[in-house]
C-alpha atoms as a PDB file:
ATOM      1  CA  UNK A   1     161.259 141.892  65.727  1.00  0.00           C
ATOM      2  CA  UNK A   2     161.722 138.883  63.448  1.00  0.00           C
ATOM      3  CA  UNK A   3     161.393 136.619  66.494  1.00  0.00           C
ATOM      4  CA  UNK A   4     158.036 138.149  67.418  1.00  0.00           C
ATOM      5  CA  UNK A   5     156.793 137.745  63.834  1.00  0.00           C
ATOM      6  CA  UNK A   6     157.993 134.138  63.716  1.00  0.00           C
ATOM      7  CA  UNK A   7     156.333 133.372  67.055  1.00  0.00           C
ATOM      8  CA  UNK A   8     153.086 134.928  65.934  1.00  0.00           C
ATOM      9  CA  UNK A   9     153.189 132.825  62.766  1.00  0.00           C
ATOM     10  CA  UNK A  10     153.838 129.643  64.792  1.00  0.00           C
ATOM     11  CA  UNK A  11     157.214 129.053  63.184  1.00  0.00           C
ATOM     12  CA  UNK A  12     160.224 127.467  64.848  1.00  0.00           C
ATOM     13  CA  UNK A  13     162.607 129.930  66.451  1.00  0.00           C
ATOM     14  CA  UNK A  14     165.821 128.722  68.038  1.00  0.00           C
ATOM     15  CA  UNK A  15     165.068 125.602  70.055  1.00  0.00           C
ATOM     16  CA  UNK A  16     161.390 126.406  70.662  1.00  0.00           C
ATOM     17  CA  UNK A  17     158.888 124.514  68.554  1.00  0.00           C
ATOM     18  CA  UNK A  18     155.140 124.667  68.355  1.00  0.00           C
ATOM     19  CA  UNK A  19     153.491 121.471  69.667  1.00  0.00           C
ATOM     20  CA  UNK A  20     152.466 120.357  66.161  1.00  0.00           C
ATOM     21  CA  UNK A  21     156.118 120.571  65.046  1.00  0.00           C
ATOM     22  CA  UNK A  22     157.186 117.790  67.437  1.00  0.00           C
ATOM     23  CA  UNK A  23     157.750 115.143  64.720  1.00  0.00           C
ATOM     24  CA  UNK A  24     159.906 117.542  62.740  1.00  0.00           C
ATOM     25  CA  UNK A  25     161.970 118.226  65.879  1.00  0.00           C
ATOM     26  CA  UNK A  26     162.513 114.501  66.494  1.00  0.00           C
ATOM     27  CA  UNK A  27     163.631 113.933  62.908  1.00  0.00           C
ATOM     28  CA  UNK A  28     165.941 116.932  62.824  1.00  0.00           C
ATOM     29  CA  UNK A  29     169.621 115.905  62.743  1.00  0.00           C
ATOM     30  CA  UNK A  30     171.445 117.303  65.733  1.00  0.00           C
ATOM     31  CA  UNK A  31     174.644 116.709  67.571  1.00  0.00           C
ATOM     32  CA  UNK A  32     174.122 114.031  70.113  1.00  0.00           C
ATOM     33  CA  UNK A  33     174.071 115.578  73.559  1.00  0.00           C
ATOM     34  CA  UNK A  34     174.416 113.384  76.616  1.00  0.00           C
ATOM     35  CA  UNK A  35     173.874 114.029  80.292  1.00  0.00           C
ATOM     36  CA  UNK A  36     175.383 111.625  82.819  1.00  0.00           C
ATOM     37  CA  UNK A  37     173.402 111.010  86.013  1.00  0.00           C
ATOM     38  CA  UNK A  38     175.550 108.727  88.201  1.00  0.00           C
ATOM     39  CA  UNK A  39     174.096 107.171  91.351  1.00  0.00           C
ATOM     40  CA  UNK A  40     175.237 104.654  93.925  1.00  0.00           C
ATOM     41  CA  UNK A  41     172.262 103.357  95.862  1.00  0.00           C
ATOM     42  CA  UNK A  42     168.696 102.218  95.415  1.00  0.00           C
ATOM     43  CA  UNK A  43     167.319 105.770  95.318  1.00  0.00           C
ATOM     44  CA  UNK A  44     168.454 109.142  94.031  1.00  0.00           C
ATOM     45  CA  UNK A  45     167.699 112.729  94.909  1.00  0.00           C
ATOM     46  CA  UNK A  46     164.503 114.017  93.353  1.00  0.00           C
ATOM     47  CA  UNK A  47     166.176 117.412  92.863  1.00  0.00           C
ATOM     48  CA  UNK A  48     169.026 115.890  90.825  1.00  0.00           C
ATOM     49  CA  UNK A  49     166.660 113.667  88.827  1.00  0.00           C
ATOM     50  CA  UNK A  50     164.261 116.514  88.031  1.00  0.00           C
ATOM     51  CA  UNK A  51     167.124 118.801  86.970  1.00  0.00           C
ATOM     52  CA  UNK A  52     168.588 116.111  84.708  1.00  0.00           C
ATOM     53  CA  UNK A  53     165.240 115.387  83.045  1.00  0.00           C
ATOM     54  CA  UNK A  54     164.433 119.083  82.549  1.00  0.00           C
ATOM     55  CA  UNK A  55     167.821 119.777  80.960  1.00  0.00           C
ATOM     56  CA  UNK A  56     167.676 116.676  78.775  1.00  0.00           C
ATOM     57  CA  UNK A  57     164.209 117.603  77.542  1.00  0.00           C
ATOM     58  CA  UNK A  58     165.111 121.233  76.793  1.00  0.00           C
ATOM     59  CA  UNK A  59     168.415 120.348  75.112  1.00  0.00           C
ATOM     60  CA  UNK A  60     167.057 117.294  73.273  1.00  0.00           C
ATOM     61  CA  UNK A  61     169.783 115.304  75.016  1.00  0.00           C
ATOM     62  CA  UNK A  62     170.028 111.659  76.008  1.00  0.00           C
ATOM     63  CA  UNK A  63     169.951 111.070  79.748  1.00  0.00           C
ATOM     64  CA  UNK A  64     172.397 108.409  80.895  1.00  0.00           C
ATOM     65  CA  UNK A  65     171.539 107.204  84.387  1.00  0.00           C
ATOM     66  CA  UNK A  66     174.527 105.198  85.525  1.00  0.00           C
ATOM     67  CA  UNK A  67     174.641 102.897  88.534  1.00  0.00           C
ATOM     68  CA  UNK A  68     178.181 102.728  89.924  1.00  0.00           C
ATOM     69  CA  UNK A  69     178.838  99.184  91.142  1.00  0.00           C
ATOM     70  CA  UNK A  70     181.793  98.453  93.396  1.00  0.00           C
ATOM     71  CA  UNK A  71     183.800  95.249  92.931  1.00  0.00           C
ATOM     72  CA  UNK A  72     185.730  93.981  95.981  1.00  0.00           C
ATOM     73  CA  UNK A  73     189.488  93.622  95.564  1.00  0.00           C
ATOM     74  CA  UNK A  74     189.321  89.846  96.080  1.00  0.00           C
ATOM     75  CA  UNK A  75     187.253  89.477  92.876  1.00  0.00           C
ATOM     76  CA  UNK A  76     188.237  90.156  89.280  1.00  0.00           C
ATOM     77  CA  UNK A  77     186.852  93.418  87.946  1.00  0.00           C
ATOM     78  CA  UNK A  78     184.619  91.566  85.472  1.00  0.00           C
ATOM     79  CA  UNK A  79     183.097  89.287  88.145  1.00  0.00           C
ATOM     80  CA  UNK A  80     179.331  88.861  88.173  1.00  0.00           C
ATOM     81  CA  UNK A  81     177.587  91.194  90.634  1.00  0.00           C
ATOM     82  CA  UNK A  82     174.036  89.818  90.819  1.00  0.00           C
ATOM     83  CA  UNK A  83     173.131  91.416  94.158  1.00  0.00           C
ATOM     84  CA  UNK A  84     174.144  94.903  92.993  1.00  0.00           C
ATOM     85  CA  UNK A  85     172.384  94.439  89.659  1.00  0.00           C
ATOM     86  CA  UNK A  86     169.200  93.372  91.452  1.00  0.00           C
ATOM     87  CA  UNK A  87     169.364  96.596  93.474  1.00  0.00           C
ATOM     88  CA  UNK A  88     170.137  98.794  90.460  1.00  0.00           C
ATOM     89  CA  UNK A  89     167.719  97.474  87.830  1.00  0.00           C
ATOM     90  CA  UNK A  90     164.420  98.513  89.468  1.00  0.00           C
ATOM     91  CA  UNK A  91     165.688 102.084  89.880  1.00  0.00           C
ATOM     92  CA  UNK A  92     167.052 102.188  86.326  1.00  0.00           C
ATOM     93  CA  UNK A  93     163.644 101.023  85.071  1.00  0.00           C
ATOM     94  CA  UNK A  94     161.852 103.638  87.193  1.00  0.00           C
ATOM     95  CA  UNK A  95     164.130 106.382  85.849  1.00  0.00           C
ATOM     96  CA  UNK A  96     163.523 105.183  82.298  1.00  0.00           C
ATOM     97  CA  UNK A  97     159.736 105.181  82.732  1.00  0.00           C
ATOM     98  CA  UNK A  98     159.607 108.615  84.351  1.00  0.00           C
ATOM     99  CA  UNK A  99     161.919 110.132  81.747  1.00  0.00           C
ATOM    100  CA  UNK A 100     160.030 108.496  78.872  1.00  0.00           C
ATOM    101  CA  UNK A 101     156.829 110.082  80.189  1.00  0.00           C
ATOM    102  CA  UNK A 102     158.524 113.427  79.517  1.00  0.00           C
ATOM    103  CA  UNK A 103     159.869 112.402  76.083  1.00  0.00           C
ATOM    104  CA  UNK A 104     163.490 112.132  77.187  1.00  0.00           C
ATOM    105  CA  UNK A 105     165.764 109.542  75.566  1.00  0.00           C
ATOM    106  CA  UNK A 106     167.459 107.197  78.049  1.00  0.00           C
ATOM    107  CA  UNK A 107     170.617 105.093  77.869  1.00  0.00           C
ATOM    108  CA  UNK A 108     171.018 103.429  81.278  1.00  0.00           C
ATOM    109  CA  UNK A 109     174.227 101.760  82.371  1.00  0.00           C
ATOM    110  CA  UNK A 110     175.796  99.795  85.178  1.00  0.00           C
ATOM    111  CA  UNK A 111     179.513 100.557  85.465  1.00  0.00           C
ATOM    112  CA  UNK A 112     182.001  98.647  87.627  1.00  0.00           C
ATOM    113  CA  UNK A 113     184.924  99.916  89.599  1.00  0.00           C
ATOM    114  CA  UNK A 114     186.850  99.222  92.771  1.00  0.00           C
ATOM    115  CA  UNK A 115     185.316 102.343  94.293  1.00  0.00           C
ATOM    116  CA  UNK A 116     182.606 104.782  93.215  1.00  0.00           C
ATOM    117  CA  UNK A 117     185.312 107.145  92.022  1.00  0.00           C
ATOM    118  CA  UNK A 118     187.001 104.386  90.016  1.00  0.00           C
ATOM    119  CA  UNK A 119     183.701 103.480  88.326  1.00  0.00           C
ATOM    120  CA  UNK A 120     183.060 107.154  87.584  1.00  0.00           C
ATOM    121  CA  UNK A 121     186.586 107.501  86.191  1.00  0.00           C
ATOM    122  CA  UNK A 122     185.958 104.532  83.897  1.00  0.00           C
ATOM    123  CA  UNK A 123     182.723 105.883  82.425  1.00  0.00           C
ATOM    124  CA  UNK A 124     184.205 109.375  81.994  1.00  0.00           C
ATOM    125  CA  UNK A 125     187.221 107.965  80.147  1.00  0.00           C
ATOM    126  CA  UNK A 126     185.136 105.658  77.915  1.00  0.00           C
ATOM    127  CA  UNK A 127     182.318 108.050  76.977  1.00  0.00           C
ATOM    128  CA  UNK A 128     181.834 111.723  76.107  1.00  0.00           C
ATOM    129  CA  UNK A 129     179.313 113.801  78.053  1.00  0.00           C
ATOM    130  CA  UNK A 130     178.175 117.374  77.789  1.00  0.00           C
ATOM    131  CA  UNK A 131     177.052 117.503  81.393  1.00  0.00           C
ATOM    132  CA  UNK A 132     177.330 115.486  84.600  1.00  0.00           C
ATOM    133  CA  UNK A 133     174.623 115.951  87.218  1.00  0.00           C
ATOM    134  CA  UNK A 134     175.365 114.471  90.597  1.00  0.00           C
ATOM    135  CA  UNK A 135     173.692 114.685  93.952  1.00  0.00           C
ATOM    136  CA  UNK A 136     175.853 115.374  96.963  1.00  0.00           C
ATOM    137  CA  UNK A 137     175.102 112.966  99.746  1.00  0.00           C
ATOM    138  CA  UNK A 138     172.439 114.083 102.149  1.00  0.00           C
ATOM    139  CA  UNK A 139     174.020 112.053 104.945  1.00  0.00           C
ATOM    140  CA  UNK A 140     177.772 112.712 105.280  1.00  0.00           C
ATOM    141  CA  UNK A 141     179.760 109.780 106.593  1.00  0.00           C
ATOM    142  CA  UNK A 142     177.451 107.148 105.128  1.00  0.00           C
ATOM    143  CA  UNK A 143     178.229 104.855 102.225  1.00  0.00           C
ATOM    144  CA  UNK A 144     175.340 106.318 100.209  1.00  0.00           C
ATOM    145  CA  UNK A 145     176.596 108.723  97.608  1.00  0.00           C
ATOM    146  CA  UNK A 146     179.716 110.636  96.844  1.00  0.00           C
ATOM    147  CA  UNK A 147     182.111 112.048  99.400  1.00  0.00           C
ATOM    148  CA  UNK A 148     183.311 115.618  99.288  1.00  0.00           C
ATOM    149  CA  UNK A 149     186.644 114.342  97.961  1.00  0.00           C
ATOM    150  CA  UNK A 150     184.833 112.482  95.166  1.00  0.00           C
ATOM    151  CA  UNK A 151     183.004 115.658  94.165  1.00  0.00           C
ATOM    152  CA  UNK A 152     186.207 117.724  94.147  1.00  0.00           C
ATOM    153  CA  UNK A 153     187.848 114.988  92.051  1.00  0.00           C
ATOM    154  CA  UNK A 154     184.901 115.079  89.633  1.00  0.00           C
ATOM    155  CA  UNK A 155     185.102 118.856  89.261  1.00  0.00           C
ATOM    156  CA  UNK A 156     188.820 118.571  88.558  1.00  0.00           C
ATOM    157  CA  UNK A 157     188.740 115.611  86.153  1.00  0.00           C
ATOM    158  CA  UNK A 158     185.472 115.677  84.214  1.00  0.00           C
ATOM    159  CA  UNK A 159     185.718 117.043  80.699  1.00  0.00           C
ATOM    160  CA  UNK A 160     182.129 118.277  80.916  1.00  0.00           C
ATOM    161  CA  UNK A 161     179.993 120.751  82.772  1.00  0.00           C
ATOM    162  CA  UNK A 162     179.380 119.433  86.300  1.00  0.00           C
ATOM    163  CA  UNK A 163     176.302 120.262  88.347  1.00  0.00           C
ATOM    164  CA  UNK A 164     176.420 119.218  91.989  1.00  0.00           C
ATOM    165  CA  UNK A 165     173.073 119.500  93.694  1.00  0.00           C
ATOM    166  CA  UNK A 166     172.672 119.294  97.423  1.00  0.00           C
ATOM    167  CA  UNK A 167     169.450 117.542  98.372  1.00  0.00           C
ATOM    168  CA  UNK A 168     166.885 119.730 100.069  1.00  0.00           C
ATOM    169  CA  UNK A 169     166.370 118.996 103.773  1.00  0.00           C
ATOM    170  CA  UNK A 170     163.088 117.277 102.957  1.00  0.00           C
ATOM    171  CA  UNK A 171     164.612 115.313 100.025  1.00  0.00           C
ATOM    172  CA  UNK A 172     165.164 111.833 101.360  1.00  0.00           C
ATOM    173  CA  UNK A 173     166.257 110.413  98.012  1.00  0.00           C
ATOM    174  CA  UNK A 174     162.676 110.118  96.865  1.00  0.00           C
ATOM    175  CA  UNK A 175     163.119 108.694  93.384  1.00  0.00           C
ATOM    176  CA  UNK A 176     163.085 105.010  94.156  1.00  0.00           C
ATOM    177  CA  UNK A 177     161.711 101.935  92.529  1.00  0.00           C
ATOM    178  CA  UNK A 178     158.469 100.657  93.976  1.00  0.00           C
ATOM    179  CA  UNK A 179     158.900  96.923  93.619  1.00  0.00           C
ATOM    180  CA  UNK A 180     155.774  94.902  94.201  1.00  0.00           C
ATOM    181  CA  UNK A 181     154.643  91.498  93.048  1.00  0.00           C
ATOM    182  CA  UNK A 182     156.650  89.124  90.900  1.00  0.00           C
ATOM    183  CA  UNK A 183     158.916  89.803  87.933  1.00  0.00           C
END
C-alpha cells in the first residue's frame, strides 16, 4: 500500500526513480557495481551486448567491455600489440558510444594473456566484478570466441554471477565498429 502511495506521489521507491529525479540518482552514493563483458574479436553478439547494457542501466553499474589480447609465447607478456589494439579500439569506442547513449558508465580495457582464458584469468584475479556476461561462440571450432572448455572454466573460477548467452541463429555478431574515413 505504501508503495502505491509513493508511486502516486512520484516519490522514489526502491531503485525506480521518476525522470525528474535523475540528477539525485546520479549523485546518490552507492556501492560500485561492475559488469565484465569480455570479447575476443572485432565484433560481439548483439544479444550479449544488449543484456549487459540493460543490466548495467537498471543496476546503476559500470560496464567493463574487455578485449582479450593474446600474446605469442615467443614475445614477452608486456610486448606491444599494435595490430590487436587497432582491431580492438574501434569496437571499444562503438561500445562506449552506444552505452553512453543509454546513460551507462563504461570502463573499457584491453587485457593480455597467452590465451583467452589466461587473459580472462588475469582480469578476474586483478578486479572485482558482480557479473560476467559472455557470449558463447556462434561458430564452434573457430578462433572467434570462447570454447566450451573456457566457459566451463569461467563458471568454475569466476567469483561473480556468470551469464553465458548463446547467439541467436540470426545473430552474426552484429555489434561491430563501422570504421570509415581517417582517424
